[in-house]
Amino acid sequence: MPRRKGGGEGQQFAFYMDLLGHDVINSNQAVLSYLELIYSNPAADKKIKAFAEKALTHVRTSTLLVENVKRLIATRTLDLQSMKPVDIVRTVERAHLEVSRFYPGKRIRIKFDSKPSQALAVGDSYAADLVLSVLLTAVRLDPGDEVDLKVDLREGTFGQRQAWVLRLEDRNIALPAFLNGGGVEETYSQDISTAVKTTGMLFAQMAAKNLGGDFEAHALVHGEKRSGAVFTITLVKAGGTQ
């Protein structure tokens, strides 16, 4: 049965933990399956390599999910004004290299449509983890071996604060339909088996809000032929906190 939308932060966090457990179990089961194939069918080198790559991806993704929970708990009590700034431009570039390690079988290309020479935001390593998580989510949802991400980074505002707005677009992703209603928040009204695809997005939104910013995900093209995805990360500009 679908869960009723609503509840406070405590209930939402419990929902996320429930969802996380579901995803970790599935990932670990997939790892075991691939490893069994490796050990029982050592036929061709190419097949062995393919199985190993898939297993590697699942192991690293599963580990990241657990680490995200630890980081998320830590961000709930952060003093934003005492945090060191992080350069979003360099963060995206480093995350690109890290994502390629998670998905060695995919060719991942990132193209900046717009970027400043430097973009300092509040968040230290927590903001860097947030950007990495969103990139990993995009690549994970892209079914192709050739992944093209378009990135746009511009100055903006969030509430009464100056902010950096980072948009990532992938035209090869099909997001769940419920995201195009109320956005990521709609996940809390979904059944676990349906919501599991948005685990990374839930983490991104909660982490971004804990850092004083926001995260959202929507389809690029709406309507019956809904396609593509745009992920928007908003982070408070360094020096822009109140």
C-alpha atoms as a PDB file:
ATOM      1  CA  MET A   1       0.000   0.000   0.000  1.00  0.00           C
ATOM      2  CA  PRO A   2       1.285   3.501  -0.802  1.00  0.00           C
ATOM      3  CA  ARG A   3       2.362   5.565   2.158  1.00  0.00           C
ATOM      4  CA  ARG A   4       0.414   8.647   3.058  1.00  0.00           C
ATOM      5  CA  LYS A   5       2.264  11.847   2.304  1.00  0.00           C
ATOM      6  CA  GLY A   6       3.077  14.063   5.241  1.00  0.00           C
ATOM      7  CA  GLY A   7       4.670  13.767   8.630  1.00  0.00           C
ATOM      8  CA  GLY A   8       7.543  15.632  10.146  1.00  0.00           C
ATOM      9  CA  GLU A   9      11.269  15.337   9.615  1.00  0.00           C
ATOM     10  CA  GLY A  10      11.459  12.319  11.912  1.00  0.00           C
ATOM     11  CA  GLN A  11       8.936  10.353   9.867  1.00  0.00           C
ATOM     12  CA  GLN A  12      10.588  11.321   6.605  1.00  0.00           C
ATOM     13  CA  PHE A  13      13.977  10.222   7.900  1.00  0.00           C
ATOM     14  CA  ALA A  14      12.483   6.876   8.990  1.00  0.00           C
ATOM     15  CA  PHE A  15      11.055   6.509   5.488  1.00  0.00           C
ATOM     16  CA  TYR A  16      14.471   7.147   3.984  1.00  0.00           C
ATOM     17  CA  MET A  17      16.081   4.541   6.266  1.00  0.00           C
ATOM     18  CA  ASP A  18      13.418   2.038   5.237  1.00  0.00           C
ATOM     19  CA  LEU A  19      14.070   2.800   1.604  1.00  0.00           C
ATOM     20  CA  LEU A  20      17.817   2.597   2.086  1.00  0.00           C
ATOM     21  CA  GLY A  21      17.590  -0.864   3.607  1.00  0.00           C
ATOM     22  CA  HIS A  22      15.524  -2.018   0.622  1.00  0.00           C
ATOM     23  CA  ASP A  23      18.098  -0.678  -1.827  1.00  0.00           C
ATOM     24  CA  VAL A  24      21.127  -2.063   0.015  1.00  0.00           C
ATOM     25  CA  ILE A  25      19.623  -5.547   0.148  1.00  0.00           C
ATOM     26  CA  ASN A  26      18.878  -5.469  -3.579  1.00  0.00           C
ATOM     27  CA  SER A  27      22.364  -4.232  -4.443  1.00  0.00           C
ATOM     28  CA  ASN A  28      24.078  -6.822  -2.305  1.00  0.00           C
ATOM     29  CA  GLN A  29      21.953  -9.588  -3.774  1.00  0.00           C
ATOM     30  CA  ALA A  30      22.967  -8.451  -7.241  1.00  0.00           C
ATOM     31  CA  VAL A  31      26.634  -8.564  -6.218  1.00  0.00           C
ATOM     32  CA  LEU A  32      26.251 -12.147  -5.012  1.00  0.00           C
ATOM     33  CA  SER A  33      24.554 -13.149  -8.257  1.00  0.00           C
ATOM     34  CA  TYR A  34      27.285 -11.675 -10.432  1.00  0.00           C
ATOM     35  CA  LEU A  35      30.021 -13.246  -8.306  1.00  0.00           C
ATOM     36  CA  GLU A  36      28.361 -16.652  -8.595  1.00  0.00           C
ATOM     37  CA  LEU A  37      28.389 -16.272 -12.359  1.00  0.00           C
ATOM     38  CA  ILE A  38      32.079 -15.355 -12.291  1.00  0.00           C
ATOM     39  CA  TYR A  39      33.027 -18.403 -10.251  1.00  0.00           C
ATOM     40  CA  SER A  40      30.793 -20.899 -12.043  1.00  0.00           C
ATOM     41  CA  ASN A  41      31.318 -19.757 -15.623  1.00  0.00           C
ATOM     42  CA  PRO A  42      34.959 -18.787 -16.261  1.00  0.00           C
ATOM     43  CA  ALA A  43      34.436 -19.072 -20.017  1.00  0.00           C
ATOM     44  CA  ALA A  44      35.671 -15.976 -21.785  1.00  0.00           C
ATOM     45  CA  ASP A  45      37.751 -13.074 -20.513  1.00  0.00           C
ATOM     46  CA  LYS A  46      35.285 -10.535 -21.865  1.00  0.00           C
ATOM     47  CA  LYS A  47      32.405 -12.073 -19.969  1.00  0.00           C
ATOM     48  CA  ILE A  48      34.403 -12.274 -16.775  1.00  0.00           C
ATOM     49  CA  LYS A  49      35.370  -8.643 -17.114  1.00  0.00           C
ATOM     50  CA  ALA A  50      31.764  -7.632 -17.765  1.00  0.00           C
ATOM     51  CA  PHE A  51      30.520  -9.480 -14.687  1.00  0.00           C
ATOM     52  CA  ALA A  52      33.319  -8.012 -12.572  1.00  0.00           C
ATOM     53  CA  GLU A  53      32.486  -4.487 -13.720  1.00  0.00           C
ATOM     54  CA  LYS A  54      28.845  -4.937 -12.773  1.00  0.00           C
ATOM     55  CA  ALA A  55      29.765  -6.366  -9.386  1.00  0.00           C
ATOM     56  CA  LEU A  56      32.182  -3.505  -8.769  1.00  0.00           C
ATOM     57  CA  THR A  57      29.495  -0.943  -9.503  1.00  0.00           C
ATOM     58  CA  HIS A  58      27.009  -2.550  -7.125  1.00  0.00           C
ATOM     59  CA  VAL A  59      29.525  -2.864  -4.304  1.00  0.00           C
ATOM     60  CA  ARG A  60      30.590   0.766  -4.558  1.00  0.00           C
ATOM     61  CA  THR A  61      27.013   2.001  -4.872  1.00  0.00           C
ATOM     62  CA  SER A  62      25.938  -0.036  -1.855  1.00  0.00           C
ATOM     63  CA  THR A  63      28.845   1.326   0.172  1.00  0.00           C
ATOM     64  CA  LEU A  64      28.022   4.890  -0.867  1.00  0.00           C
ATOM     65  CA  LEU A  65      24.425   4.502   0.277  1.00  0.00           C
ATOM     66  CA  VAL A  66      25.576   3.598   3.769  1.00  0.00           C
ATOM     67  CA  GLU A  67      28.099   6.437   3.805  1.00  0.00           C
ATOM     68  CA  ASN A  68      25.406   8.868   2.682  1.00  0.00           C
ATOM     69  CA  VAL A  69      23.337   8.052   5.750  1.00  0.00           C
ATOM     70  CA  LYS A  70      26.276   8.845   8.012  1.00  0.00           C
ATOM     71  CA  ARG A  71      26.899  12.114   6.186  1.00  0.00           C
ATOM     72  CA  LEU A  72      23.218  12.989   6.250  1.00  0.00           C
ATOM     73  CA  ILE A  73      23.035  12.533  10.007  1.00  0.00           C
ATOM     74  CA  ALA A  74      26.103  14.764  10.383  1.00  0.00           C
ATOM     75  CA  THR A  75      24.583  17.578   8.283  1.00  0.00           C
ATOM     76  CA  ARG A  76      21.573  17.874  10.604  1.00  0.00           C
ATOM     77  CA  THR A  77      23.607  19.726  13.252  1.00  0.00           C
ATOM     78  CA  LEU A  78      26.046  21.712  11.118  1.00  0.00           C
ATOM     79  CA  ASP A  79      26.948  25.324  11.816  1.00  0.00           C
ATOM     80  CA  LEU A  80      26.904  26.682   8.263  1.00  0.00           C
ATOM     81  CA  GLN A  81      28.723  29.896   9.127  1.00  0.00           C
ATOM     82  CA  SER A  82      31.734  27.981  10.436  1.00  0.00           C
ATOM     83  CA  MET A  83      32.088  25.726   7.393  1.00  0.00           C
ATOM     84  CA  LYS A  84      34.829  26.070   4.806  1.00  0.00           C
ATOM     85  CA  PRO A  85      33.714  27.012   1.274  1.00  0.00           C
ATOM     86  CA  VAL A  86      33.893  24.546  -1.603  1.00  0.00           C
ATOM     87  CA  ASP A  87      34.514  25.419  -5.258  1.00  0.00           C
ATOM     88  CA  ILE A  88      31.640  23.876  -7.209  1.00  0.00           C
ATOM     89  CA  VAL A  89      33.525  24.005 -10.523  1.00  0.00           C
ATOM     90  CA  ARG A  90      36.415  21.926  -9.177  1.00  0.00           C
ATOM     91  CA  THR A  91      33.938  19.723  -7.304  1.00  0.00           C
ATOM     92  CA  VAL A  92      32.117  18.782 -10.513  1.00  0.00           C
ATOM     93  CA  GLU A  93      35.402  18.014 -12.247  1.00  0.00           C
ATOM     94  CA  ARG A  94      36.562  15.747  -9.406  1.00  0.00           C
ATOM     95  CA  ALA A  95      33.145  14.074  -9.205  1.00  0.00           C
ATOM     96  CA  HIS A  96      33.349  13.322 -12.929  1.00  0.00           C
ATOM     97  CA  LEU A  97      36.513  11.289 -12.340  1.00  0.00           C
ATOM     98  CA  GLU A  98      34.974   9.514  -9.348  1.00  0.00           C
ATOM     99  CA  VAL A  99      31.785   8.593 -11.216  1.00  0.00           C
ATOM    100  CA  SER A 100      33.866   7.015 -13.983  1.00  0.00           C
ATOM    101  CA  ARG A 101      35.386   4.707 -11.327  1.00  0.00           C
ATOM    102  CA  PHE A 102      31.908   3.644 -10.233  1.00  0.00           C
ATOM    103  CA  TYR A 103      30.834   2.858 -13.805  1.00  0.00           C
ATOM    104  CA  PRO A 104      33.944   1.628 -15.673  1.00  0.00           C
ATOM    105  CA  GLY A 105      31.798   0.196 -18.462  1.00  0.00           C
ATOM    106  CA  LYS A 106      30.274   3.554 -19.357  1.00  0.00           C
ATOM    107  CA  ARG A 107      31.782   6.497 -21.203  1.00  0.00           C
ATOM    108  CA  ILE A 108      30.705   9.574 -19.263  1.00  0.00           C
ATOM    109  CA  ARG A 109      31.043  13.034 -20.752  1.00  0.00           C
ATOM    110  CA  ILE A 110      30.284  16.302 -18.962  1.00  0.00           C
ATOM    111  CA  LYS A 111      29.934  19.547 -20.880  1.00  0.00           C
ATOM    112  CA  PHE A 112      29.639  22.934 -19.164  1.00  0.00           C
ATOM    113  CA  ASP A 113      27.219  25.262 -20.956  1.00  0.00           C
ATOM    114  CA  SER A 114      28.043  28.016 -18.521  1.00  0.00           C
ATOM    115  CA  LYS A 115      30.535  28.171 -15.682  1.00  0.00           C
ATOM    116  CA  PRO A 116      32.423  30.869 -13.785  1.00  0.00           C
ATOM    117  CA  SER A 117      36.141  30.576 -13.164  1.00  0.00           C
ATOM    118  CA  GLN A 118      35.308  29.903  -9.519  1.00  0.00           C
ATOM    119  CA  ALA A 119      32.094  29.290  -7.585  1.00  0.00           C
ATOM    120  CA  LEU A 120      32.542  29.177  -3.812  1.00  0.00           C
ATOM    121  CA  ALA A 121      29.604  27.751  -1.877  1.00  0.00           C
ATOM    122  CA  VAL A 122      28.886  26.800   1.723  1.00  0.00           C
ATOM    123  CA  GLY A 123      29.249  23.126   2.518  1.00  0.00           C
ATOM    124  CA  ASP A 124      32.855  21.922   2.596  1.00  0.00           C
ATOM    125  CA  SER A 125      33.125  18.163   1.851  1.00  0.00           C
ATOM    126  CA  TYR A 126      29.388  17.716   2.474  1.00  0.00           C
ATOM    127  CA  ALA A 127      28.591  19.806  -0.598  1.00  0.00           C
ATOM    128  CA  ALA A 128      31.138  17.813  -2.592  1.00  0.00           C
ATOM    129  CA  ASP A 129      29.430  14.572  -1.529  1.00  0.00           C
ATOM    130  CA  LEU A 130      26.096  16.046  -2.581  1.00  0.00           C
ATOM    131  CA  VAL A 131      27.338  16.865  -6.084  1.00  0.00           C
ATOM    132  CA  LEU A 132      28.883  13.402  -6.441  1.00  0.00           C
ATOM    133  CA  SER A 133      25.655  11.746  -5.332  1.00  0.00           C
ATOM    134  CA  VAL A 134      23.600  13.641  -7.920  1.00  0.00           C
ATOM    135  CA  LEU A 135      26.060  12.763 -10.705  1.00  0.00           C
ATOM    136  CA  LEU A 136      25.961   9.107  -9.667  1.00  0.00           C
ATOM    137  CA  THR A 137      22.164   9.183  -9.656  1.00  0.00           C
ATOM    138  CA  ALA A 138      22.069  10.599 -13.185  1.00  0.00           C
ATOM    139  CA  VAL A 139      24.523   8.015 -14.540  1.00  0.00           C
ATOM    140  CA  ARG A 140      22.721   5.220 -12.743  1.00  0.00           C
ATOM    141  CA  LEU A 141      19.384   6.193 -14.314  1.00  0.00           C
ATOM    142  CA  ASP A 142      20.864   6.562 -17.816  1.00  0.00           C
ATOM    143  CA  PRO A 143      20.441   3.151 -19.514  1.00  0.00           C
ATOM    144  CA  GLY A 144      23.098   3.793 -22.176  1.00  0.00           C
ATOM    145  CA  ASP A 145      26.827   3.088 -22.216  1.00  0.00           C
ATOM    146  CA  GLU A 146      27.406   6.605 -23.584  1.00  0.00           C
ATOM    147  CA  VAL A 147      26.322   9.163 -20.977  1.00  0.00           C
ATOM    148  CA  ASP A 148      26.239  12.857 -21.882  1.00  0.00           C
ATOM    149  CA  LEU A 149      25.575  15.334 -19.087  1.00  0.00           C
ATOM    150  CA  LYS A 150      25.088  19.033 -19.764  1.00  0.00           C
ATOM    151  CA  VAL A 151      25.990  21.272 -16.832  1.00  0.00           C
ATOM    152  CA  ASP A 152      25.039  24.882 -16.241  1.00  0.00           C
ATOM    153  CA  LEU A 153      26.333  26.810 -13.220  1.00  0.00           C
ATOM    154  CA  ARG A 154      25.078  30.323 -12.527  1.00  0.00           C
ATOM    155  CA  GLU A 155      24.598  32.788  -9.685  1.00  0.00           C
ATOM    156  CA  GLY A 156      21.103  33.029  -8.263  1.00  0.00           C
ATOM    157  CA  THR A 157      19.164  33.546  -5.057  1.00  0.00           C
ATOM    158  CA  PHE A 158      17.529  31.226  -2.558  1.00  0.00           C
ATOM    159  CA  GLY A 159      15.208  32.929  -0.133  1.00  0.00           C
ATOM    160  CA  GLN A 160      17.069  36.040   0.994  1.00  0.00           C
ATOM    161  CA  ARG A 161      20.499  34.576   0.277  1.00  0.00           C
ATOM    162  CA  GLN A 162      22.845  34.671  -2.670  1.00  0.00           C
ATOM    163  CA  ALA A 163      23.344  31.213  -4.113  1.00  0.00           C
ATOM    164  CA  TRP A 164      24.910  29.099  -6.813  1.00  0.00           C
ATOM    165  CA  VAL A 165      22.473  27.123  -8.962  1.00  0.00           C
ATOM    166  CA  LEU A 166      23.882  24.000 -10.613  1.00  0.00           C
ATOM    167  CA  ARG A 167      21.743  22.330 -13.309  1.00  0.00           C
ATOM    168  CA  LEU A 168      22.566  18.913 -14.751  1.00  0.00           C
ATOM    169  CA  GLU A 169      20.675  17.675 -17.798  1.00  0.00           C
ATOM    170  CA  ASP A 170      20.576  14.180 -19.292  1.00  0.00           C
ATOM    171  CA  ARG A 171      18.296  13.612 -22.282  1.00  0.00           C
ATOM    172  CA  ASN A 172      18.449   9.828 -21.980  1.00  0.00           C
ATOM    173  CA  ILE A 173      16.760   9.446 -18.587  1.00  0.00           C
ATOM    174  CA  ALA A 174      13.102   8.649 -17.966  1.00  0.00           C
ATOM    175  CA  LEU A 175      12.160   9.815 -14.463  1.00  0.00           C
ATOM    176  CA  PRO A 176       9.244   8.270 -12.530  1.00  0.00           C
ATOM    177  CA  ALA A 177       6.006  10.067 -13.399  1.00  0.00           C
ATOM    178  CA  PHE A 178       5.306  11.119  -9.798  1.00  0.00           C
ATOM    179  CA  LEU A 179       8.355  13.431  -9.785  1.00  0.00           C
ATOM    180  CA  ASN A 180       6.651  15.762 -12.246  1.00  0.00           C
ATOM    181  CA  GLY A 181       3.854  16.576  -9.826  1.00  0.00           C
ATOM    182  CA  GLY A 182       5.222  17.871  -6.573  1.00  0.00           C
ATOM    183  CA  GLY A 183       8.838  16.961  -7.301  1.00  0.00           C
ATOM    184  CA  VAL A 184      11.057  14.872  -5.044  1.00  0.00           C
ATOM    185  CA  GLU A 185       8.730  15.455  -2.069  1.00  0.00           C
ATOM    186  CA  GLU A 186       6.159  13.221  -3.810  1.00  0.00           C
ATOM    187  CA  THR A 187       8.427  10.245  -3.130  1.00  0.00           C
ATOM    188  CA  TYR A 188       7.138  10.112   0.444  1.00  0.00           C
ATOM    189  CA  SER A 189       3.666   9.175  -0.816  1.00  0.00           C
ATOM    190  CA  GLN A 190       4.947   6.242  -2.898  1.00  0.00           C
ATOM    191  CA  ASP A 191       5.317   2.575  -2.160  1.00  0.00           C
ATOM    192  CA  ILE A 192       8.898   1.524  -1.343  1.00  0.00           C
ATOM    193  CA  SER A 193       9.148  -0.655  -4.470  1.00  0.00           C
ATOM    194  CA  THR A 194       8.300   2.391  -6.619  1.00  0.00           C
ATOM    195  CA  ALA A 195      10.291   4.972  -4.677  1.00  0.00           C
ATOM    196  CA  VAL A 196      13.514   2.949  -4.589  1.00  0.00           C
ATOM    197  CA  LYS A 197      14.690   4.469  -7.886  1.00  0.00           C
ATOM    198  CA  THR A 198      14.830   7.884  -6.244  1.00  0.00           C
ATOM    199  CA  THR A 199      17.027   6.995  -3.262  1.00  0.00           C
ATOM    200  CA  GLY A 200      19.852   9.243  -4.464  1.00  0.00           C
ATOM    201  CA  MET A 201      17.449  12.119  -5.043  1.00  0.00           C
ATOM    202  CA  LEU A 202      15.994  11.871  -1.544  1.00  0.00           C
ATOM    203  CA  PHE A 203      19.477  12.004  -0.068  1.00  0.00           C
ATOM    204  CA  ALA A 204      20.357  14.965  -2.293  1.00  0.00           C
ATOM    205  CA  GLN A 205      17.304  16.956  -1.251  1.00  0.00           C
ATOM    206  CA  MET A 206      17.706  16.306   2.470  1.00  0.00           C
ATOM    207  CA  ALA A 207      21.447  17.019   2.388  1.00  0.00           C
ATOM    208  CA  ALA A 208      20.952  20.196   0.329  1.00  0.00           C
ATOM    209  CA  LYS A 209      18.317  21.501   2.747  1.00  0.00           C
ATOM    210  CA  ASN A 210      20.580  20.756   5.700  1.00  0.00           C
ATOM    211  CA  LEU A 211      23.220  22.894   3.959  1.00  0.00           C
ATOM    212  CA  GLY A 212      20.756  25.752   3.617  1.00  0.00           C
ATOM    213  CA  GLY A 213      19.982  25.102  -0.055  1.00  0.00           C
ATOM    214  CA  ASP A 214      17.740  22.806  -2.075  1.00  0.00           C
ATOM    215  CA  PHE A 215      17.591  20.061  -4.700  1.00  0.00           C
ATOM    216  CA  GLU A 216      14.923  19.190  -7.252  1.00  0.00           C
ATOM    217  CA  ALA A 217      14.417  16.836 -10.196  1.00  0.00           C
ATOM    218  CA  HIS A 218      12.017  17.089 -13.142  1.00  0.00           C
ATOM    219  CA  ALA A 219      11.617  15.797 -16.684  1.00  0.00           C
ATOM    220  CA  LEU A 220      13.047  17.947 -19.486  1.00  0.00           C
ATOM    221  CA  VAL A 221      10.058  17.219 -21.723  1.00  0.00           C
ATOM    222  CA  HIS A 222       6.629  16.927 -20.121  1.00  0.00           C
ATOM    223  CA  GLY A 223       3.393  15.382 -21.349  1.00  0.00           C
ATOM    224  CA  GLU A 224       2.773  11.916 -22.765  1.00  0.00           C
ATOM    225  CA  LYS A 225       6.250  11.759 -24.304  1.00  0.00           C
ATOM    226  CA  ARG A 226       7.970  12.696 -21.061  1.00  0.00           C
ATOM    227  CA  SER A 227      11.731  12.307 -21.458  1.00  0.00           C
ATOM    228  CA  GLY A 228      15.073  13.499 -20.191  1.00  0.00           C
ATOM    229  CA  ALA A 229      15.855  14.790 -16.738  1.00  0.00           C
ATOM    230  CA  VAL A 230      17.122  17.966 -15.142  1.00  0.00           C
ATOM    231  CA  PHE A 231      18.607  17.940 -11.641  1.00  0.00           C
ATOM    232  CA  THR A 232      18.968  21.283  -9.897  1.00  0.00           C
ATOM    233  CA  ILE A 233      21.261  21.791  -6.907  1.00  0.00           C
ATOM    234  CA  THR A 234      21.049  25.122  -5.065  1.00  0.00           C
ATOM    235  CA  LEU A 235      23.831  25.914  -2.600  1.00  0.00           C
ATOM    236  CA  VAL A 236      24.309  29.058  -0.530  1.00  0.00           C
ATOM    237  CA  LYS A 237      27.094  31.246  -1.854  1.00  0.00           C
ATOM    238  CA  ALA A 238      30.080  31.517   0.478  1.00  0.00           C
ATOM    239  CA  GLY A 239      29.660  34.745   2.417  1.00  0.00           C
ATOM    240  CA  GLY A 240      25.937  34.769   1.653  1.00  0.00           C
ATOM    241  CA  THR A 241      24.721  33.147   4.879  1.00  0.00           C
ATOM    242  CA  GLN A 242      22.807  35.123   7.458  1.00  0.00           C
END
